[in-house]
Amino acid sequence: ILNAIKSEELSDTLCMVVRYSGGIKLGAGGLIRAYGSAARGVLRSAPTVIHIPTVRLRLVINTQYSGSVYALAARFNGVTSG
């Protein structure tokens, strides 16, 4: 399962495969292939959501520094208000 996640170049991902008992005995190698194949199929068909972490800050500064603060925020694609 981890190889399937890595091959799809994903991070911070949860993938769970459930196998009900009572079926064909696959052995260790068969289980690895079955779980990997199931995980790979789901990961390829599921939508990918890109999450960009953000932080909300409130700054209290002298007015003389406001230009520098706005320039720095713009440099890192920050959103400013106020």
Protein backbone atom coordinates (compact mmCIF):
# COMPACT_ATOMS: atom_id res chain seq x y z
CA ILE A 1 0.00 0.00 0.00
CA LEU A 2 2.84 2.36 0.85
CA ASN A 3 4.44 1.69 -2.55
CA ALA A 4 1.12 2.57 -4.23
CA ILE A 5 1.00 5.87 -2.34
CA LYS A 6 4.61 6.65 -3.22
CA SER A 7 4.18 5.71 -6.89
CA GLU A 8 1.26 8.16 -7.15
CA GLU A 9 3.54 10.81 -5.57
CA LEU A 10 1.12 11.49 -2.72
CA SER A 11 1.80 12.58 0.83
CA ASP A 12 -0.30 12.89 3.97
CA THR A 13 -2.55 10.16 2.61
CA LEU A 14 -4.70 7.52 4.24
CA CYS A 15 -5.53 4.41 2.23
CA MET A 16 -7.23 1.46 3.85
CA VAL A 17 -7.77 -1.94 2.26
CA VAL A 18 -10.17 -4.41 3.88
CA ARG A 19 -10.13 -8.10 3.03
CA TYR A 20 -12.86 -10.33 4.31
CA SER A 21 -11.68 -13.76 5.43
CA GLY A 22 -13.01 -16.98 4.06
CA GLY A 23 -11.83 -16.49 0.51
CA ILE A 24 -8.93 -17.92 -1.44
CA LYS A 25 -5.69 -18.31 0.49
CA LEU A 26 -3.25 -16.02 -1.30
CA GLY A 27 -0.11 -16.41 0.78
CA ALA A 28 2.15 -13.53 1.77
CA GLY A 29 3.17 -12.57 -1.78
CA GLY A 30 -0.40 -12.80 -3.06
CA LEU A 31 -1.67 -10.61 -0.22
CA ILE A 32 0.97 -7.98 -0.93
CA ARG A 33 0.04 -7.92 -4.62
CA ALA A 34 -3.70 -7.89 -3.89
CA TYR A 35 -3.47 -5.07 -1.34
CA GLY A 36 -1.13 -3.06 -3.54
CA SER A 37 -3.33 -3.50 -6.59
CA ALA A 38 -6.47 -2.50 -4.68
CA ALA A 39 -4.76 0.55 -3.19
CA ARG A 40 -3.30 1.61 -6.55
CA GLY A 41 -6.69 1.35 -8.25
CA VAL A 42 -8.42 3.47 -5.63
CA LEU A 43 -5.65 6.07 -5.51
CA ARG A 44 -5.75 6.47 -9.29
CA SER A 45 -9.53 6.87 -9.43
CA ALA A 46 -9.99 9.07 -6.35
CA PRO A 47 -9.88 12.86 -6.72
CA THR A 48 -6.70 14.52 -5.51
CA VAL A 49 -7.06 17.54 -3.26
CA ILE A 50 -4.10 19.86 -2.91
CA HIS A 51 -4.10 21.48 0.51
CA ILE A 52 -1.96 24.55 1.01
CA PRO A 53 -1.56 25.31 4.71
CA THR A 54 -2.28 28.89 5.70
CA VAL A 55 -1.85 30.96 8.81
CA ARG A 56 -3.83 34.00 9.81
CA LEU A 57 -1.75 36.70 11.49
CA ARG A 58 -2.60 40.01 13.04
CA LEU A 59 0.31 42.44 13.08
CA VAL A 60 0.55 45.65 15.04
CA ILE A 61 3.33 47.78 13.53
CA ASN A 62 4.37 51.37 13.02
CA THR A 63 2.89 52.88 9.89
CA GLN A 64 6.37 53.43 8.46
CA TYR A 65 6.79 49.65 8.09
CA SER A 66 3.46 48.97 6.39
CA GLY A 67 4.94 49.15 2.88
CA SER A 68 7.53 46.51 3.77
CA VAL A 69 4.91 44.27 5.34
CA TYR A 70 2.62 44.49 2.29
CA ALA A 71 5.57 43.85 -0.04
CA LEU A 72 6.62 40.80 1.97
CA ALA A 73 3.07 39.44 2.01
CA ALA A 74 2.81 39.91 -1.78
CA ARG A 75 6.15 38.15 -2.28
CA PHE A 76 4.72 35.01 -0.69
CA ASN A 77 1.25 35.33 -2.26
CA GLY A 78 -0.20 36.50 1.03
CA VAL A 79 -3.62 38.09 1.31
CA THR A 80 -3.82 41.32 3.25
CA SER A 81 -6.67 43.40 4.60
CA GLY A 82 -6.86 46.53 6.65
